[in-house]
Amino acid sequence: MELIIYLLIGAIAGFTAGLFGVGGGLIIVPILFIVFTQLNYDPNVIMHIAVGTSLATIVVTSISSVMAHHKKGAVLCRYLRI
């Protein structure tokens, strides 16, 4: 059940971010905070987990994006070395 909730959060964040041009983390962190609260996670670490999860998704998405752009020849690797 949790997997479905997380997939829905991702879909909502992606749609909203694309529609309004905001970062996905702006949407994901508050929604994760609410979901983690409803799932009775420890209140002392809920915000830390929400922010950490959001950062992890941003890192994975960024790497995926760089790889896709690199396949199309849109990444200038010589500037990455500097």
PDB file of N, CA and C in Angstrom:
ATOM      1  N   MET A   1       0.820  -1.192   0.000  1.00  0.00           N
ATOM      2  CA  MET A   1       0.000   0.000   0.000  1.00  0.00           C
ATOM      3  C   MET A   1       0.863   1.255   0.000  1.00  0.00           C
ATOM      4  N   GLU A   2       1.959   1.210   0.773  1.00  0.00           N
ATOM      5  CA  GLU A   2       2.833   2.378   0.827  1.00  0.00           C
ATOM      6  C   GLU A   2       3.431   2.684  -0.537  1.00  0.00           C
ATOM      7  N   LEU A   3       3.770   1.650  -1.295  1.00  0.00           N
ATOM      8  CA  LEU A   3       4.351   1.862  -2.620  1.00  0.00           C
ATOM      9  C   LEU A   3       3.396   2.637  -3.513  1.00  0.00           C
ATOM     10  N   ILE A   4       2.128   2.299  -3.447  1.00  0.00           N
ATOM     11  CA  ILE A   4       1.135   3.013  -4.256  1.00  0.00           C
ATOM     12  C   ILE A   4       1.053   4.478  -3.830  1.00  0.00           C
ATOM     13  N   ILE A   5       1.114   4.728  -2.529  1.00  0.00           N
ATOM     14  CA  ILE A   5       1.089   6.102  -2.028  1.00  0.00           C
ATOM     15  C   ILE A   5       2.287   6.876  -2.557  1.00  0.00           C
ATOM     16  N   TYR A   6       3.473   6.267  -2.519  1.00  0.00           N
ATOM     17  CA  TYR A   6       4.676   6.953  -2.981  1.00  0.00           C
ATOM     18  C   TYR A   6       4.642   7.197  -4.486  1.00  0.00           C
ATOM     19  N   LEU A   7       4.102   6.252  -5.238  1.00  0.00           N
ATOM     20  CA  LEU A   7       3.968   6.455  -6.684  1.00  0.00           C
ATOM     21  C   LEU A   7       2.991   7.591  -6.986  1.00  0.00           C
ATOM     22  N   LEU A   8       1.914   7.664  -6.232  1.00  0.00           N
ATOM     23  CA  LEU A   8       0.963   8.763  -6.413  1.00  0.00           C
ATOM     24  C   LEU A   8       1.591  10.107  -6.059  1.00  0.00           C
ATOM     25  N   ILE A   9       2.392  10.139  -5.001  1.00  0.00           N
ATOM     26  CA  ILE A   9       3.079  11.373  -4.625  1.00  0.00           C
ATOM     27  C   ILE A   9       3.998  11.821  -5.762  1.00  0.00           C
ATOM     28  N   GLY A  10       4.725  10.877  -6.335  1.00  0.00           N
ATOM     29  CA  GLY A  10       5.612  11.205  -7.438  1.00  0.00           C
ATOM     30  C   GLY A  10       4.862  11.719  -8.649  1.00  0.00           C
ATOM     31  N   ALA A  11       3.732  11.097  -8.944  1.00  0.00           N
ATOM     32  CA  ALA A  11       2.926  11.535 -10.083  1.00  0.00           C
ATOM     33  C   ALA A  11       2.358  12.932  -9.854  1.00  0.00           C
ATOM     34  N   ILE A  12       1.864  13.174  -8.662  1.00  0.00           N
ATOM     35  CA  ILE A  12       1.324  14.492  -8.337  1.00  0.00           C
ATOM     36  C   ILE A  12       2.420  15.549  -8.384  1.00  0.00           C
ATOM     37  N   ALA A  13       3.570  15.241  -7.809  1.00  0.00           N
ATOM     38  CA  ALA A  13       4.677  16.199  -7.803  1.00  0.00           C
ATOM     39  C   ALA A  13       5.164  16.475  -9.217  1.00  0.00           C
ATOM     40  N   GLY A  14       5.293  15.433 -10.024  1.00  0.00           N
ATOM     41  CA  GLY A  14       5.747  15.623 -11.399  1.00  0.00           C
ATOM     42  C   GLY A  14       4.773  16.442 -12.216  1.00  0.00           C
ATOM     43  N   PHE A  15       3.479  16.148 -12.080  1.00  0.00           N
ATOM     44  CA  PHE A  15       2.461  16.898 -12.816  1.00  0.00           C
ATOM     45  C   PHE A  15       2.439  18.358 -12.379  1.00  0.00           C
ATOM     46  N   THR A  16       2.434  18.585 -11.072  1.00  0.00           N
ATOM     47  CA  THR A  16       2.379  19.948 -10.552  1.00  0.00           C
ATOM     48  C   THR A  16       3.634  20.733 -10.903  1.00  0.00           C
ATOM     49  N   ALA A  17       4.788  20.091 -10.793  1.00  0.00           N
ATOM     50  CA  ALA A  17       6.048  20.764 -11.124  1.00  0.00           C
ATOM     51  C   ALA A  17       6.083  21.131 -12.604  1.00  0.00           C
ATOM     52  N   GLY A  18       5.604  20.234 -13.458  1.00  0.00           N
ATOM     53  CA  GLY A  18       5.565  20.527 -14.884  1.00  0.00           C
ATOM     54  C   GLY A  18       4.557  21.601 -15.225  1.00  0.00           C
ATOM     55  N   LEU A  19       3.433  21.600 -14.546  1.00  0.00           N
ATOM     56  CA  LEU A  19       2.366  22.552 -14.826  1.00  0.00           C
ATOM     57  C   LEU A  19       2.731  23.965 -14.381  1.00  0.00           C
ATOM     58  N   PHE A  20       3.298  24.080 -13.192  1.00  0.00           N
ATOM     59  CA  PHE A  20       3.591  25.394 -12.641  1.00  0.00           C
ATOM     60  C   PHE A  20       5.059  25.783 -12.717  1.00  0.00           C
ATOM     61  N   GLY A  21       5.924  24.868 -13.105  1.00  0.00           N
ATOM     62  CA  GLY A  21       7.340  25.185 -13.233  1.00  0.00           C
ATOM     63  C   GLY A  21       8.064  25.313 -11.906  1.00  0.00           C
ATOM     64  N   VAL A  22       7.565  24.649 -10.883  1.00  0.00           N
ATOM     65  CA  VAL A  22       8.242  24.684  -9.584  1.00  0.00           C
ATOM     66  C   VAL A  22       9.061  23.418  -9.412  1.00  0.00           C
ATOM     67  N   GLY A  23       9.975  23.430  -8.476  1.00  0.00           N
ATOM     68  CA  GLY A  23      10.774  22.242  -8.200  1.00  0.00           C
ATOM     69  C   GLY A  23       9.924  21.173  -7.534  1.00  0.00           C
ATOM     70  N   GLY A  24      10.209  19.923  -7.847  1.00  0.00           N
ATOM     71  CA  GLY A  24       9.455  18.814  -7.275  1.00  0.00           C
ATOM     72  C   GLY A  24       9.567  18.734  -5.766  1.00  0.00           C
ATOM     73  N   GLY A  25      10.708  19.156  -5.222  1.00  0.00           N
ATOM     74  CA  GLY A  25      10.903  19.122  -3.770  1.00  0.00           C
ATOM     75  C   GLY A  25       9.934  20.018  -3.030  1.00  0.00           C
ATOM     76  N   LEU A  26       9.498  21.078  -3.705  1.00  0.00           N
ATOM     77  CA  LEU A  26       8.532  21.995  -3.100  1.00  0.00           C
ATOM     78  C   LEU A  26       7.198  21.299  -2.850  1.00  0.00           C
ATOM     79  N   ILE A  27       6.892  20.320  -3.658  1.00  0.00           N
ATOM     80  CA  ILE A  27       5.641  19.579  -3.530  1.00  0.00           C
ATOM     81  C   ILE A  27       5.843  18.316  -2.692  1.00  0.00           C
ATOM     82  N   ILE A  28       6.952  17.627  -2.926  1.00  0.00           N
ATOM     83  CA  ILE A  28       7.171  16.318  -2.297  1.00  0.00           C
ATOM     84  C   ILE A  28       7.343  16.417  -0.784  1.00  0.00           C
ATOM     85  N   VAL A  29       8.094  17.386  -0.296  1.00  0.00           N
ATOM     86  CA  VAL A  29       8.393  17.447   1.145  1.00  0.00           C
ATOM     87  C   VAL A  29       7.126  17.612   1.988  1.00  0.00           C
ATOM     88  N   PRO A  30       6.242  18.572   1.691  1.00  0.00           N
ATOM     89  CA  PRO A  30       5.033  18.670   2.527  1.00  0.00           C
ATOM     90  C   PRO A  30       4.131  17.433   2.431  1.00  0.00           C
ATOM     91  N   ILE A  31       4.013  16.863   1.237  1.00  0.00           N
ATOM     92  CA  ILE A  31       3.164  15.675   1.098  1.00  0.00           C
ATOM     93  C   ILE A  31       3.767  14.505   1.878  1.00  0.00           C
ATOM     94  N   LEU A  32       5.088  14.321   1.769  1.00  0.00           N
ATOM     95  CA  LEU A  32       5.729  13.247   2.544  1.00  0.00           C
ATOM     96  C   LEU A  32       5.576  13.477   4.041  1.00  0.00           C
ATOM     97  N   PHE A  33       5.655  14.724   4.466  1.00  0.00           N
ATOM     98  CA  PHE A  33       5.472  15.036   5.883  1.00  0.00           C
ATOM     99  C   PHE A  33       4.095  14.578   6.350  1.00  0.00           C
ATOM    100  N   ILE A  34       3.077  14.873   5.559  1.00  0.00           N
ATOM    101  CA  ILE A  34       1.710  14.466   5.911  1.00  0.00           C
ATOM    102  C   ILE A  34       1.584  12.944   5.912  1.00  0.00           C
ATOM    103  N   VAL A  35       2.129  12.304   4.882  1.00  0.00           N
ATOM    104  CA  VAL A  35       2.032  10.833   4.793  1.00  0.00           C
ATOM    105  C   VAL A  35       2.771  10.174   5.944  1.00  0.00           C
ATOM    106  N   PHE A  36       3.974  10.635   6.254  1.00  0.00           N
ATOM    107  CA  PHE A  36       4.743  10.040   7.347  1.00  0.00           C
ATOM    108  C   PHE A  36       4.050  10.256   8.694  1.00  0.00           C
ATOM    109  N   THR A  37       3.384  11.400   8.848  1.00  0.00           N
ATOM    110  CA  THR A  37       2.630  11.652  10.073  1.00  0.00           C
ATOM    111  C   THR A  37       1.475  10.657  10.193  1.00  0.00           C
ATOM    112  N   GLN A  38       0.775  10.424   9.069  1.00  0.00           N
ATOM    113  CA  GLN A  38      -0.350   9.481   9.077  1.00  0.00           C
ATOM    114  C   GLN A  38       0.109   8.035   9.306  1.00  0.00           C
ATOM    115  N   LEU A  39       1.336   7.728   8.901  1.00  0.00           N
ATOM    116  CA  LEU A  39       1.881   6.384   9.088  1.00  0.00           C
ATOM    117  C   LEU A  39       2.524   6.209  10.463  1.00  0.00           C
ATOM    118  N   ASN A  40       2.381   7.203  11.335  1.00  0.00           N
ATOM    119  CA  ASN A  40       2.869   7.166  12.720  1.00  0.00           C
ATOM    120  C   ASN A  40       4.381   7.006  12.832  1.00  0.00           C
ATOM    121  N   TYR A  41       5.120   7.698  11.969  1.00  0.00           N
ATOM    122  CA  TYR A  41       6.574   7.738  12.121  1.00  0.00           C
ATOM    123  C   TYR A  41       6.905   8.605  13.337  1.00  0.00           C
ATOM    124  N   ASP A  42       8.109   8.457  13.832  1.00  0.00           N
ATOM    125  CA  ASP A  42       8.556   9.236  14.986  1.00  0.00           C
ATOM    126  C   ASP A  42       8.502  10.727  14.652  1.00  0.00           C
ATOM    127  N   PRO A  43       7.737  11.520  15.409  1.00  0.00           N
ATOM    128  CA  PRO A  43       7.594  12.950  15.105  1.00  0.00           C
ATOM    129  C   PRO A  43       8.912  13.731  15.130  1.00  0.00           C
ATOM    130  N   ASN A  44       9.909  13.211  15.849  1.00  0.00           N
ATOM    131  CA  ASN A  44      11.185  13.919  15.941  1.00  0.00           C
ATOM    132  C   ASN A  44      12.003  13.845  14.659  1.00  0.00           C
ATOM    133  N   VAL A  45      11.697  12.868  13.793  1.00  0.00           N
ATOM    134  CA  VAL A  45      12.513  12.697  12.586  1.00  0.00           C
ATOM    135  C   VAL A  45      11.720  12.779  11.286  1.00  0.00           C
ATOM    136  N   ILE A  46      10.425  13.074  11.378  1.00  0.00           N
ATOM    137  CA  ILE A  46       9.597  13.086  10.169  1.00  0.00           C
ATOM    138  C   ILE A  46      10.123  14.078   9.135  1.00  0.00           C
ATOM    139  N   MET A  47      10.410  15.301   9.543  1.00  0.00           N
ATOM    140  CA  MET A  47      10.871  16.307   8.578  1.00  0.00           C
ATOM    141  C   MET A  47      12.219  15.921   7.993  1.00  0.00           C
ATOM    142  N   HIS A  48      13.095  15.351   8.797  1.00  0.00           N
ATOM    143  CA  HIS A  48      14.398  14.912   8.294  1.00  0.00           C
ATOM    144  C   HIS A  48      14.239  13.831   7.231  1.00  0.00           C
ATOM    145  N   ILE A  49      13.351  12.893   7.481  1.00  0.00           N
ATOM    146  CA  ILE A  49      13.119  11.817   6.519  1.00  0.00           C
ATOM    147  C   ILE A  49      12.502  12.372   5.243  1.00  0.00           C
ATOM    148  N   ALA A  50      11.553  13.302   5.381  1.00  0.00           N
ATOM    149  CA  ALA A  50      10.902  13.892   4.205  1.00  0.00           C
ATOM    150  C   ALA A  50      11.902  14.652   3.337  1.00  0.00           C
ATOM    151  N   VAL A  51      12.745  15.460   3.951  1.00  0.00           N
ATOM    152  CA  VAL A  51      13.751  16.216   3.190  1.00  0.00           C
ATOM    153  C   VAL A  51      14.784  15.276   2.586  1.00  0.00           C
ATOM    154  N   GLY A  52      15.235  14.295   3.344  1.00  0.00           N
ATOM    155  CA  GLY A  52      16.216  13.334   2.831  1.00  0.00           C
ATOM    156  C   GLY A  52      15.678  12.529   1.663  1.00  0.00           C
ATOM    157  N   THR A  53      14.424  12.111   1.757  1.00  0.00           N
ATOM    158  CA  THR A  53      13.804  11.368   0.659  1.00  0.00           C
ATOM    159  C   THR A  53      13.694  12.234  -0.577  1.00  0.00           C
ATOM    160  N   SER A  54      13.320  13.496  -0.389  1.00  0.00           N
ATOM    161  CA  SER A  54      13.213  14.426  -1.512  1.00  0.00           C
ATOM    162  C   SER A  54      14.576  14.641  -2.172  1.00  0.00           C
ATOM    163  N   LEU A  55      15.609  14.815  -1.373  1.00  0.00           N
ATOM    164  CA  LEU A  55      16.957  14.997  -1.922  1.00  0.00           C
ATOM    165  C   LEU A  55      17.420  13.752  -2.674  1.00  0.00           C
ATOM    166  N   ALA A  56      17.079  12.577  -2.159  1.00  0.00           N
ATOM    167  CA  ALA A  56      17.459  11.345  -2.847  1.00  0.00           C
ATOM    168  C   ALA A  56      16.791  11.255  -4.214  1.00  0.00           C
ATOM    169  N   THR A  57      15.521  11.637  -4.295  1.00  0.00           N
ATOM    170  CA  THR A  57      14.839  11.596  -5.590  1.00  0.00           C
ATOM    171  C   THR A  57      15.416  12.620  -6.548  1.00  0.00           C
ATOM    172  N   ILE A  58      15.825  13.768  -6.031  1.00  0.00           N
ATOM    173  CA  ILE A  58      16.433  14.798  -6.877  1.00  0.00           C
ATOM    174  C   ILE A  58      17.760  14.313  -7.448  1.00  0.00           C
ATOM    175  N   VAL A  59      18.567  13.635  -6.632  1.00  0.00           N
ATOM    176  CA  VAL A  59      19.857  13.121  -7.103  1.00  0.00           C
ATOM    177  C   VAL A  59      19.651  12.080  -8.198  1.00  0.00           C
ATOM    178  N   VAL A  60      18.729  11.145  -7.973  1.00  0.00           N
ATOM    179  CA  VAL A  60      18.474  10.102  -8.966  1.00  0.00           C
ATOM    180  C   VAL A  60      17.942  10.710 -10.266  1.00  0.00           C
ATOM    181  N   THR A  61      17.028  11.660 -10.158  1.00  0.00           N
ATOM    182  CA  THR A  61      16.474  12.314 -11.340  1.00  0.00           C
ATOM    183  C   THR A  61      17.542  13.091 -12.094  1.00  0.00           C
ATOM    184  N   SER A  62      18.416  13.763 -11.374  1.00  0.00           N
ATOM    185  CA  SER A  62      19.490  14.535 -12.012  1.00  0.00           C
ATOM    186  C   SER A  62      20.453  13.630 -12.777  1.00  0.00           C
ATOM    187  N   ILE A  63      20.834  12.519 -12.176  1.00  0.00           N
ATOM    188  CA  ILE A  63      21.734  11.580 -12.854  1.00  0.00           C
ATOM    189  C   ILE A  63      21.076  11.020 -14.105  1.00  0.00           C
ATOM    190  N   SER A  64      19.801  10.668 -13.999  1.00  0.00           N
ATOM    191  CA  SER A  64      19.062  10.161 -15.154  1.00  0.00           C
ATOM    192  C   SER A  64      18.994  11.196 -16.269  1.00  0.00           C
ATOM    193  N   SER A  65      18.778  12.439 -15.897  1.00  0.00           N
ATOM    194  CA  SER A  65      18.703  13.525 -16.880  1.00  0.00           C
ATOM    195  C   SER A  65      20.043  13.744 -17.578  1.00  0.00           C
ATOM    196  N   VAL A  66      21.115  13.749 -16.817  1.00  0.00           N
ATOM    197  CA  VAL A  66      22.445  13.928 -17.409  1.00  0.00           C
ATOM    198  C   VAL A  66      22.760  12.792 -18.372  1.00  0.00           C
ATOM    199  N   MET A  67      22.411  11.564 -18.000  1.00  0.00           N
ATOM    200  CA  MET A  67      22.674  10.428 -18.884  1.00  0.00           C
ATOM    201  C   MET A  67      21.869  10.531 -20.175  1.00  0.00           C
ATOM    202  N   ALA A  68      20.613  10.957 -20.087  1.00  0.00           N
ATOM    203  CA  ALA A  68      19.779  11.098 -21.280  1.00  0.00           C
ATOM    204  C   ALA A  68      20.312  12.199 -22.188  1.00  0.00           C
ATOM    205  N   HIS A  69      20.743  13.313 -21.607  1.00  0.00           N
ATOM    206  CA  HIS A  69      21.300  14.403 -22.411  1.00  0.00           C
ATOM    207  C   HIS A  69      22.639  14.012 -23.023  1.00  0.00           C
ATOM    208  N   HIS A  70      23.406  13.215 -22.276  1.00  0.00           N
ATOM    209  CA  HIS A  70      24.701  12.768 -22.780  1.00  0.00           C
ATOM    210  C   HIS A  70      24.528  11.865 -24.005  1.00  0.00           C
ATOM    211  N   LYS A  71      23.507  11.011 -23.994  1.00  0.00           N
ATOM    212  CA  LYS A  71      23.241  10.138 -25.141  1.00  0.00           C
ATOM    213  C   LYS A  71      22.911  10.948 -26.394  1.00  0.00           C
ATOM    214  N   LYS A  72      22.343  12.124 -26.211  1.00  0.00           N
ATOM    215  CA  LYS A  72      21.999  12.986 -27.343  1.00  0.00           C
ATOM    216  C   LYS A  72      23.135  13.944 -27.707  1.00  0.00           C
ATOM    217  N   GLY A  73      24.250  13.845 -26.988  1.00  0.00           N
ATOM    218  CA  GLY A  73      25.404  14.688 -27.278  1.00  0.00           C
ATOM    219  C   GLY A  73      25.267  16.110 -26.763  1.00  0.00           C
ATOM    220  N   ALA A  74      24.400  16.314 -25.790  1.00  0.00           N
ATOM    221  CA  ALA A  74      24.148  17.659 -25.286  1.00  0.00           C
ATOM    222  C   ALA A  74      24.966  18.004 -24.042  1.00  0.00           C
ATOM    223  N   VAL A  75      25.836  17.096 -23.608  1.00  0.00           N
ATOM    224  CA  VAL A  75      26.664  17.355 -22.432  1.00  0.00           C
ATOM    225  C   VAL A  75      28.100  17.567 -22.907  1.00  0.00           C
ATOM    226  N   LEU A  76      28.660  18.704 -22.541  1.00  0.00           N
ATOM    227  CA  LEU A  76      30.044  19.004 -22.886  1.00  0.00           C
ATOM    228  C   LEU A  76      30.946  18.517 -21.748  1.00  0.00           C
ATOM    229  N   CYS A  77      31.471  17.317 -21.919  1.00  0.00           N
ATOM    230  CA  CYS A  77      32.216  16.657 -20.838  1.00  0.00           C
ATOM    231  C   CYS A  77      33.484  17.415 -20.466  1.00  0.00           C
ATOM    232  N   ARG A  78      34.065  18.140 -21.398  1.00  0.00           N
ATOM    233  CA  ARG A  78      35.311  18.844 -21.067  1.00  0.00           C
ATOM    234  C   ARG A  78      35.062  19.896 -19.985  1.00  0.00           C
ATOM    235  N   TYR A  79      33.866  20.456 -19.906  1.00  0.00           N
ATOM    236  CA  TYR A  79      33.550  21.432 -18.863  1.00  0.00           C
ATOM    237  C   TYR A  79      33.254  20.759 -17.530  1.00  0.00           C
ATOM    238  N   LEU A  80      32.829  19.513 -17.555  1.00  0.00           N
ATOM    239  CA  LEU A  80      32.596  18.789 -16.323  1.00  0.00           C
ATOM    240  C   LEU A  80      33.901  18.479 -15.606  1.00  0.00           C
ATOM    241  N   ARG A  81      34.958  18.271 -16.346  1.00  0.00           N
ATOM    242  CA  ARG A  81      36.248  17.956 -15.740  1.00  0.00           C
ATOM    243  C   ARG A  81      36.818  19.157 -14.981  1.00  0.00           C
ATOM    244  N   ILE A  82      36.506  20.333 -15.442  1.00  0.00           N
ATOM    245  CA  ILE A  82      37.004  21.552 -14.791  1.00  0.00           C
ATOM    246  C   ILE A  82      36.234  21.752 -13.508  1.00  0.00           C
TER     247      ILE A  82
END
